């Protein structure tokens, strides 16, 4: 997700204990609902959609829609811990 949009979601805080609910507006006019852990940077975008297609996000929106429709989560990602040479 574009960094400035992820920053807005982080600034809004958690939607609930340990999770975020938000909607994402796409260039196509489509709106997607996401329920993720507290890491919102890596949403599971549909095939063919890139970060360039993401126009806006709306924190804490569409909880009811997430319950009655399918929602998307986080993409698979891994944390990489980097230690500088002089830290060893």
PDB file of N, CA and C in Angstrom:
ATOM      1  N   UNK A   1       0.863  -1.156   0.000  1.00  0.00           N
ATOM      2  CA  UNK A   1       0.000   0.000   0.000  1.00  0.00           C
ATOM      3  C   UNK A   1       0.912   1.222   0.000  1.00  0.00           C
ATOM      4  N   UNK A   2       0.498   2.301  -0.656  1.00  0.00           N
ATOM      5  CA  UNK A   2       1.303   3.518  -0.595  1.00  0.00           C
ATOM      6  C   UNK A   2       1.512   3.958   0.856  1.00  0.00           C
ATOM      7  N   UNK A   3       2.732   4.367   1.164  1.00  0.00           N
ATOM      8  CA  UNK A   3       3.111   4.680   2.548  1.00  0.00           C
ATOM      9  C   UNK A   3       2.229   5.757   3.169  1.00  0.00           C
ATOM     10  N   UNK A   4       1.848   6.772   2.402  1.00  0.00           N
ATOM     11  CA  UNK A   4       1.041   7.851   2.991  1.00  0.00           C
ATOM     12  C   UNK A   4      -0.344   7.358   3.410  1.00  0.00           C
ATOM     13  N   UNK A   5      -0.870   6.342   2.728  1.00  0.00           N
ATOM     14  CA  UNK A   5      -2.175   5.789   3.112  1.00  0.00           C
ATOM     15  C   UNK A   5      -2.034   4.871   4.333  1.00  0.00           C
ATOM     16  N   UNK A   6      -0.974   4.077   4.377  1.00  0.00           N
ATOM     17  CA  UNK A   6      -0.730   3.236   5.556  1.00  0.00           C
ATOM     18  C   UNK A   6      -0.538   4.118   6.785  1.00  0.00           C
ATOM     19  N   UNK A   7       0.151   5.231   6.628  1.00  0.00           N
ATOM     20  CA  UNK A   7       0.371   6.156   7.741  1.00  0.00           C
ATOM     21  C   UNK A   7      -0.950   6.690   8.277  1.00  0.00           C
ATOM     22  N   UNK A   8      -1.895   6.987   7.391  1.00  0.00           N
ATOM     23  CA  UNK A   8      -3.221   7.446   7.834  1.00  0.00           C
ATOM     24  C   UNK A   8      -3.929   6.381   8.650  1.00  0.00           C
ATOM     25  N   UNK A   9      -3.818   5.122   8.228  1.00  0.00           N
ATOM     26  CA  UNK A   9      -4.457   4.038   8.979  1.00  0.00           C
ATOM     27  C   UNK A   9      -3.815   3.876  10.352  1.00  0.00           C
ATOM     28  N   UNK A  10      -2.493   3.929  10.408  1.00  0.00           N
ATOM     29  CA  UNK A  10      -1.806   3.825  11.701  1.00  0.00           C
ATOM     30  C   UNK A  10      -2.199   4.979  12.621  1.00  0.00           C
ATOM     31  N   UNK A  11      -2.319   6.179  12.060  1.00  0.00           N
ATOM     32  CA  UNK A  11      -2.689   7.347  12.869  1.00  0.00           C
ATOM     33  C   UNK A  11      -4.096   7.205  13.449  1.00  0.00           C
ATOM     34  N   UNK A  12      -4.979   6.498  12.734  1.00  0.00           N
ATOM     35  CA  UNK A  12      -6.355   6.309  13.202  1.00  0.00           C
ATOM     36  C   UNK A  12      -6.433   5.314  14.365  1.00  0.00           C
ATOM     37  N   UNK A  13      -5.399   4.499  14.544  1.00  0.00           N
ATOM     38  CA  UNK A  13      -5.389   3.531  15.636  1.00  0.00           C
ATOM     39  C   UNK A  13      -6.128   2.249  15.285  1.00  0.00           C
ATOM     40  N   UNK A  14      -6.099   1.321  16.225  1.00  0.00           N
ATOM     41  CA  UNK A  14      -6.743   0.023  16.028  1.00  0.00           C
ATOM     42  C   UNK A  14      -8.259   0.164  15.914  1.00  0.00           C
ATOM     43  N   UNK A  15      -8.853  -0.724  15.142  1.00  0.00           N
ATOM     44  CA  UNK A  15     -10.307  -0.791  15.067  1.00  0.00           C
ATOM     45  C   UNK A  15     -10.851  -1.604  16.240  1.00  0.00           C
ATOM     46  N   UNK A  16     -10.050  -2.525  16.712  1.00  0.00           N
ATOM     47  CA  UNK A  16     -10.379  -3.372  17.848  1.00  0.00           C
ATOM     48  C   UNK A  16      -9.077  -3.927  18.390  1.00  0.00           C
ATOM     49  N   UNK A  17      -9.143  -4.735  19.393  1.00  0.00           N
ATOM     50  CA  UNK A  17      -7.921  -5.235  20.003  1.00  0.00           C
ATOM     51  C   UNK A  17      -7.156  -6.143  19.038  1.00  0.00           C
ATOM     52  N   UNK A  18      -6.069  -5.612  18.502  1.00  0.00           N
ATOM     53  CA  UNK A  18      -5.193  -6.393  17.637  1.00  0.00           C
ATOM     54  C   UNK A  18      -5.591  -6.466  16.184  1.00  0.00           C
ATOM     55  N   UNK A  19      -6.539  -5.657  15.735  1.00  0.00           N
ATOM     56  CA  UNK A  19      -6.917  -5.715  14.321  1.00  0.00           C
ATOM     57  C   UNK A  19      -7.324  -4.346  13.790  1.00  0.00           C
ATOM     58  N   UNK A  20      -7.317  -4.263  12.471  1.00  0.00           N
ATOM     59  CA  UNK A  20      -7.733  -3.059  11.748  1.00  0.00           C
ATOM     60  C   UNK A  20      -8.809  -3.459  10.736  1.00  0.00           C
ATOM     61  N   UNK A  21      -9.840  -2.644  10.634  1.00  0.00           N
ATOM     62  CA  UNK A  21     -10.834  -2.763   9.568  1.00  0.00           C
ATOM     63  C   UNK A  21     -10.753  -1.464   8.783  1.00  0.00           C
ATOM     64  N   UNK A  22     -10.679  -1.592   7.470  1.00  0.00           N
ATOM     65  CA  UNK A  22     -10.659  -0.394   6.641  1.00  0.00           C
ATOM     66  C   UNK A  22     -11.156  -0.725   5.240  1.00  0.00           C
ATOM     67  N   UNK A  23     -11.632   0.284   4.556  1.00  0.00           N
ATOM     68  CA  UNK A  23     -11.997   0.119   3.154  1.00  0.00           C
ATOM     69  C   UNK A  23     -10.939   0.805   2.310  1.00  0.00           C
ATOM     70  N   UNK A  24     -10.821   0.327   1.085  1.00  0.00           N
ATOM     71  CA  UNK A  24      -9.845   0.852   0.146  1.00  0.00           C
ATOM     72  C   UNK A  24     -10.566   1.164  -1.161  1.00  0.00           C
ATOM     73  N   UNK A  25     -10.406   2.390  -1.632  1.00  0.00           N
ATOM     74  CA  UNK A  25     -10.979   2.801  -2.914  1.00  0.00           C
ATOM     75  C   UNK A  25      -9.949   2.580  -4.013  1.00  0.00           C
ATOM     76  N   UNK A  26     -10.389   1.928  -5.094  1.00  0.00           N
ATOM     77  CA  UNK A  26      -9.506   1.658  -6.228  1.00  0.00           C
ATOM     78  C   UNK A  26      -9.852   2.561  -7.411  1.00  0.00           C
ATOM     79  N   UNK A  27      -8.884   2.738  -8.271  1.00  0.00           N
ATOM     80  CA  UNK A  27      -9.045   3.560  -9.469  1.00  0.00           C
ATOM     81  C   UNK A  27     -10.241   3.105 -10.313  1.00  0.00           C
ATOM     82  N   UNK A  28     -10.563   1.824 -10.292  1.00  0.00           N
ATOM     83  CA  UNK A  28     -11.670   1.263 -11.079  1.00  0.00           C
ATOM     84  C   UNK A  28     -13.045   1.672 -10.546  1.00  0.00           C
ATOM     85  N   UNK A  29     -13.069   2.263  -9.342  1.00  0.00           N
ATOM     86  CA  UNK A  29     -14.333   2.589  -8.694  1.00  0.00           C
ATOM     87  C   UNK A  29     -14.753   1.543  -7.679  1.00  0.00           C
ATOM     88  N   UNK A  30     -14.065   0.432  -7.660  1.00  0.00           N
ATOM     89  CA  UNK A  30     -14.354  -0.647  -6.718  1.00  0.00           C
ATOM     90  C   UNK A  30     -13.876  -0.264  -5.317  1.00  0.00           C
ATOM     91  N   UNK A  31     -14.594  -0.745  -4.318  1.00  0.00           N
ATOM     92  CA  UNK A  31     -14.219  -0.555  -2.923  1.00  0.00           C
ATOM     93  C   UNK A  31     -14.054  -1.927  -2.297  1.00  0.00           C
ATOM     94  N   UNK A  32     -12.949  -2.131  -1.592  1.00  0.00           N
ATOM     95  CA  UNK A  32     -12.675  -3.406  -0.936  1.00  0.00           C
ATOM     96  C   UNK A  32     -12.645  -3.206   0.569  1.00  0.00           C
ATOM     97  N   UNK A  33     -13.080  -4.225   1.303  1.00  0.00           N
ATOM     98  CA  UNK A  33     -13.011  -4.204   2.766  1.00  0.00           C
ATOM     99  C   UNK A  33     -11.869  -5.119   3.197  1.00  0.00           C
ATOM    100  N   UNK A  34     -11.060  -4.623   4.138  1.00  0.00           N
ATOM    101  CA  UNK A  34      -9.938  -5.390   4.676  1.00  0.00           C
ATOM    102  C   UNK A  34     -10.075  -5.522   6.182  1.00  0.00           C
ATOM    103  N   UNK A  35      -9.730  -6.688   6.679  1.00  0.00           N
ATOM    104  CA  UNK A  35      -9.577  -6.918   8.116  1.00  0.00           C
ATOM    105  C   UNK A  35      -8.192  -7.530   8.252  1.00  0.00           C
ATOM    106  N   UNK A  36      -7.291  -6.804   8.912  1.00  0.00           N
ATOM    107  CA  UNK A  36      -5.905  -7.251   9.042  1.00  0.00           C
ATOM    108  C   UNK A  36      -5.489  -7.214  10.500  1.00  0.00           C
ATOM    109  N   UNK A  37      -4.339  -7.796  10.765  1.00  0.00           N
ATOM    110  CA  UNK A  37      -3.712  -7.586  12.058  1.00  0.00           C
ATOM    111  C   UNK A  37      -3.259  -6.132  12.101  1.00  0.00           C
ATOM    112  N   UNK A  38      -2.435  -5.803  13.040  1.00  0.00           N
ATOM    113  CA  UNK A  38      -2.022  -4.414  13.184  1.00  0.00           C
ATOM    114  C   UNK A  38      -1.032  -3.939  12.127  1.00  0.00           C
ATOM    115  N   UNK A  39      -0.621  -4.806  11.223  1.00  0.00           N
ATOM    116  CA  UNK A  39       0.255  -4.409  10.124  1.00  0.00           C
ATOM    117  C   UNK A  39      -0.616  -4.227   8.886  1.00  0.00           C
ATOM    118  N   UNK A  40      -0.783  -2.981   8.456  1.00  0.00           N
ATOM    119  CA  UNK A  40      -1.672  -2.694   7.328  1.00  0.00           C
ATOM    120  C   UNK A  40      -0.910  -2.455   6.027  1.00  0.00           C
ATOM    121  N   UNK A  41       0.409  -2.427   6.072  1.00  0.00           N
ATOM    122  CA  UNK A  41       1.224  -2.061   4.914  1.00  0.00           C
ATOM    123  C   UNK A  41       1.109  -3.031   3.744  1.00  0.00           C
ATOM    124  N   UNK A  42       0.760  -4.281   4.020  1.00  0.00           N
ATOM    125  CA  UNK A  42       0.792  -5.314   2.993  1.00  0.00           C
ATOM    126  C   UNK A  42      -0.583  -5.965   2.812  1.00  0.00           C
ATOM    127  N   UNK A  43      -1.563  -5.236   2.278  1.00  0.00           N
ATOM    128  CA  UNK A  43      -2.883  -5.839   2.082  1.00  0.00           C
ATOM    129  C   UNK A  43      -2.837  -6.869   0.954  1.00  0.00           C
ATOM    130  N   UNK A  44      -3.702  -7.844   1.041  1.00  0.00           N
ATOM    131  CA  UNK A  44      -3.824  -8.884   0.022  1.00  0.00           C
ATOM    132  C   UNK A  44      -4.654  -8.325  -1.130  1.00  0.00           C
ATOM    133  N   UNK A  45      -3.978  -7.690  -2.081  1.00  0.00           N
ATOM    134  CA  UNK A  45      -4.680  -7.081  -3.211  1.00  0.00           C
ATOM    135  C   UNK A  45      -5.111  -8.164  -4.202  1.00  0.00           C
ATOM    136  N   UNK A  46      -6.262  -7.979  -4.844  1.00  0.00           N
ATOM    137  CA  UNK A  46      -6.711  -8.954  -5.847  1.00  0.00           C
ATOM    138  C   UNK A  46      -5.729  -9.029  -7.014  1.00  0.00           C
ATOM    139  N   UNK A  47      -5.731 -10.149  -7.713  1.00  0.00           N
ATOM    140  CA  UNK A  47      -4.895 -10.305  -8.905  1.00  0.00           C
ATOM    141  C   UNK A  47      -5.163  -9.155  -9.877  1.00  0.00           C
ATOM    142  N   UNK A  48      -4.105  -8.627 -10.436  1.00  0.00           N
ATOM    143  CA  UNK A  48      -4.226  -7.552 -11.414  1.00  0.00           C
ATOM    144  C   UNK A  48      -4.278  -6.152 -10.810  1.00  0.00           C
ATOM    145  N   UNK A  49      -4.390  -6.064  -9.485  1.00  0.00           N
ATOM    146  CA  UNK A  49      -4.431  -4.763  -8.803  1.00  0.00           C
ATOM    147  C   UNK A  49      -3.049  -4.507  -8.208  1.00  0.00           C
ATOM    148  N   UNK A  50      -2.527  -3.290  -8.436  1.00  0.00           N
ATOM    149  CA  UNK A  50      -1.236  -2.922  -7.863  1.00  0.00           C
ATOM    150  C   UNK A  50      -1.433  -1.725  -6.935  1.00  0.00           C
ATOM    151  N   UNK A  51      -0.398  -1.358  -6.235  1.00  0.00           N
ATOM    152  CA  UNK A  51      -0.488  -0.209  -5.331  1.00  0.00           C
ATOM    153  C   UNK A  51      -0.791   1.079  -6.088  1.00  0.00           C
ATOM    154  N   UNK A  52      -0.461   1.126  -7.373  1.00  0.00           N
ATOM    155  CA  UNK A  52      -0.795   2.307  -8.186  1.00  0.00           C
ATOM    156  C   UNK A  52      -2.306   2.476  -8.357  1.00  0.00           C
ATOM    157  N   UNK A  53      -3.059   1.407  -8.180  1.00  0.00           N
ATOM    158  CA  UNK A  53      -4.520   1.450  -8.324  1.00  0.00           C
ATOM    159  C   UNK A  53      -5.234   1.917  -7.065  1.00  0.00           C
ATOM    160  N   UNK A  54      -4.520   2.018  -5.946  1.00  0.00           N
ATOM    161  CA  UNK A  54      -5.121   2.388  -4.666  1.00  0.00           C
ATOM    162  C   UNK A  54      -5.201   3.910  -4.571  1.00  0.00           C
ATOM    163  N   UNK A  55      -6.433   4.430  -4.423  1.00  0.00           N
ATOM    164  CA  UNK A  55      -6.628   5.875  -4.359  1.00  0.00           C
ATOM    165  C   UNK A  55      -6.765   6.404  -2.942  1.00  0.00           C
ATOM    166  N   UNK A  56      -7.472   5.653  -2.087  1.00  0.00           N
ATOM    167  CA  UNK A  56      -7.754   6.168  -0.749  1.00  0.00           C
ATOM    168  C   UNK A  56      -8.084   5.009   0.187  1.00  0.00           C
ATOM    169  N   UNK A  57      -7.985   5.270   1.474  1.00  0.00           N
ATOM    170  CA  UNK A  57      -8.385   4.309   2.506  1.00  0.00           C
ATOM    171  C   UNK A  57      -9.260   5.016   3.522  1.00  0.00           C
ATOM    172  N   UNK A  58     -10.112   4.242   4.182  1.00  0.00           N
ATOM    173  CA  UNK A  58     -11.049   4.765   5.176  1.00  0.00           C
ATOM    174  C   UNK A  58     -10.992   3.868   6.407  1.00  0.00           C
ATOM    175  N   UNK A  59     -10.294   4.330   7.465  1.00  0.00           N
ATOM    176  CA  UNK A  59     -10.159   3.494   8.664  1.00  0.00           C
ATOM    177  C   UNK A  59     -11.486   3.261   9.374  1.00  0.00           C
ATOM    178  N   UNK A  60     -11.621   2.082   9.957  1.00  0.00           N
ATOM    179  CA  UNK A  60     -12.750   1.693  10.809  1.00  0.00           C
ATOM    180  C   UNK A  60     -14.088   1.673  10.069  1.00  0.00           C
ATOM    181  N   UNK A  61     -14.068   1.595   8.750  1.00  0.00           N
ATOM    182  CA  UNK A  61     -15.329   1.623   7.989  1.00  0.00           C
ATOM    183  C   UNK A  61     -15.766   0.235   7.557  1.00  0.00           C
ATOM    184  N   UNK A  62     -17.067   0.069   7.470  1.00  0.00           N
ATOM    185  CA  UNK A  62     -17.739  -1.107   6.902  1.00  0.00           C
ATOM    186  C   UNK A  62     -17.572  -2.389   7.701  1.00  0.00           C
ATOM    187  N   UNK A  63     -17.620  -2.268   9.016  1.00  0.00           N
ATOM    188  CA  UNK A  63     -17.589  -3.461   9.873  1.00  0.00           C
ATOM    189  C   UNK A  63     -18.731  -4.410   9.496  1.00  0.00           C
ATOM    190  N   UNK A  64     -19.923  -3.854   9.264  1.00  0.00           N
ATOM    191  CA  UNK A  64     -21.080  -4.691   8.907  1.00  0.00           C
ATOM    192  C   UNK A  64     -20.865  -5.369   7.558  1.00  0.00           C
ATOM    193  N   UNK A  65     -20.302  -4.641   6.610  1.00  0.00           N
ATOM    194  CA  UNK A  65     -20.029  -5.215   5.295  1.00  0.00           C
ATOM    195  C   UNK A  65     -19.011  -6.349   5.417  1.00  0.00           C
ATOM    196  N   UNK A  66     -18.020  -6.194   6.285  1.00  0.00           N
ATOM    197  CA  UNK A  66     -17.013  -7.242   6.485  1.00  0.00           C
ATOM    198  C   UNK A  66     -17.640  -8.507   7.037  1.00  0.00           C
ATOM    199  N   UNK A  67     -18.706  -8.372   7.821  1.00  0.00           N
ATOM    200  CA  UNK A  67     -19.381  -9.533   8.398  1.00  0.00           C
ATOM    201  C   UNK A  67     -20.239 -10.239   7.353  1.00  0.00           C
ATOM    202  N   UNK A  68     -20.928  -9.482   6.512  1.00  0.00           N
ATOM    203  CA  UNK A  68     -21.863 -10.121   5.567  1.00  0.00           C
ATOM    204  C   UNK A  68     -21.238 -10.459   4.218  1.00  0.00           C
ATOM    205  N   UNK A  69     -20.118  -9.831   3.857  1.00  0.00           N
ATOM    206  CA  UNK A  69     -19.439 -10.132   2.592  1.00  0.00           C
ATOM    207  C   UNK A  69     -18.064 -10.695   2.886  1.00  0.00           C
ATOM    208  N   UNK A  70     -17.408 -11.174   1.821  1.00  0.00           N
ATOM    209  CA  UNK A  70     -16.026 -11.590   2.040  1.00  0.00           C
ATOM    210  C   UNK A  70     -15.155 -10.358   2.159  1.00  0.00           C
ATOM    211  N   UNK A  71     -14.187 -10.471   2.985  1.00  0.00           N
ATOM    212  CA  UNK A  71     -13.226  -9.393   3.142  1.00  0.00           C
ATOM    213  C   UNK A  71     -11.839  -9.943   2.833  1.00  0.00           C
ATOM    214  N   UNK A  72     -10.917  -9.050   2.614  1.00  0.00           N
ATOM    215  CA  UNK A  72      -9.544  -9.427   2.323  1.00  0.00           C
ATOM    216  C   UNK A  72      -8.704  -9.200   3.575  1.00  0.00           C
ATOM    217  N   UNK A  73      -7.591  -9.859   3.641  1.00  0.00           N
ATOM    218  CA  UNK A  73      -6.701  -9.712   4.793  1.00  0.00           C
ATOM    219  C   UNK A  73      -5.345  -9.178   4.372  1.00  0.00           C
ATOM    220  N   UNK A  74      -4.329  -9.645   5.040  1.00  0.00           N
ATOM    221  CA  UNK A  74      -2.960  -9.253   4.728  1.00  0.00           C
ATOM    222  C   UNK A  74      -2.361 -10.248   3.745  1.00  0.00           C
ATOM    223  N   UNK A  75      -1.484  -9.753   2.895  1.00  0.00           N
ATOM    224  CA  UNK A  75      -0.717 -10.639   2.033  1.00  0.00           C
ATOM    225  C   UNK A  75       0.301 -11.373   2.891  1.00  0.00           C
ATOM    226  N   UNK A  76       0.840 -12.452   2.366  1.00  0.00           N
ATOM    227  CA  UNK A  76       1.877 -13.178   3.078  1.00  0.00           C
ATOM    228  C   UNK A  76       3.147 -12.333   3.054  1.00  0.00           C
ATOM    229  N   UNK A  77       3.722 -12.109   4.196  1.00  0.00           N
ATOM    230  CA  UNK A  77       4.981 -11.372   4.269  1.00  0.00           C
ATOM    231  C   UNK A  77       5.803 -11.923   5.415  1.00  0.00           C
ATOM    232  N   UNK A  78       7.077 -11.601   5.397  1.00  0.00           N
ATOM    233  CA  UNK A  78       7.983 -12.040   6.451  1.00  0.00           C
ATOM    234  C   UNK A  78       8.777 -10.842   6.949  1.00  0.00           C
ATOM    235  N   UNK A  79       9.024 -10.807   8.236  1.00  0.00           N
ATOM    236  CA  UNK A  79       9.888  -9.779   8.813  1.00  0.00           C
ATOM    237  C   UNK A  79      11.327 -10.190   8.592  1.00  0.00           C
ATOM    238  N   UNK A  80      12.168  -9.238   8.299  1.00  0.00           N
ATOM    239  CA  UNK A  80      13.593  -9.472   8.125  1.00  0.00           C
ATOM    240  C   UNK A  80      14.318  -8.577   9.111  1.00  0.00           C
ATOM    241  N   UNK A  81      15.031  -9.184  10.006  1.00  0.00           N
ATOM    242  CA  UNK A  81      15.777  -8.425  11.011  1.00  0.00           C
ATOM    243  C   UNK A  81      17.201  -8.231  10.523  1.00  0.00           C
ATOM    244  N   UNK A  82      17.612  -7.001  10.439  1.00  0.00           N
ATOM    245  CA  UNK A  82      18.930  -6.657   9.952  1.00  0.00           C
ATOM    246  C   UNK A  82      19.809  -6.195  11.097  1.00  0.00           C
ATOM    247  N   UNK A  83      20.962  -6.803  11.237  1.00  0.00           N
ATOM    248  CA  UNK A  83      21.943  -6.367  12.227  1.00  0.00           C
ATOM    249  C   UNK A  83      23.134  -5.788  11.491  1.00  0.00           C
ATOM    250  N   UNK A  84      23.501  -4.566  11.789  1.00  0.00           N
ATOM    251  CA  UNK A  84      24.694  -3.992  11.150  1.00  0.00           C
ATOM    252  C   UNK A  84      25.934  -4.800  11.520  1.00  0.00           C
ATOM    253  N   UNK A  85      26.940  -4.745  10.696  1.00  0.00           N
ATOM    254  CA  UNK A  85      28.185  -5.495  10.936  1.00  0.00           C
ATOM    255  C   UNK A  85      28.772  -5.228  12.320  1.00  0.00           C
ATOM    256  N   UNK A  86      28.758  -3.993  12.737  1.00  0.00           N
ATOM    257  CA  UNK A  86      29.395  -3.648  14.006  1.00  0.00           C
ATOM    258  C   UNK A  86      28.541  -3.988  15.234  1.00  0.00           C
ATOM    259  N   UNK A  87      27.358  -4.557  15.037  1.00  0.00           N
ATOM    260  CA  UNK A  87      26.485  -4.902  16.168  1.00  0.00           C
ATOM    261  C   UNK A  87      26.817  -6.259  16.769  1.00  0.00           C
ATOM    262  N   UNK A  88      27.567  -7.060  16.049  1.00  0.00           N
ATOM    263  CA  UNK A  88      27.838  -8.435  16.512  1.00  0.00           C
ATOM    264  C   UNK A  88      28.873  -8.527  17.586  1.00  0.00           C
TER     265      UNK A  88
END
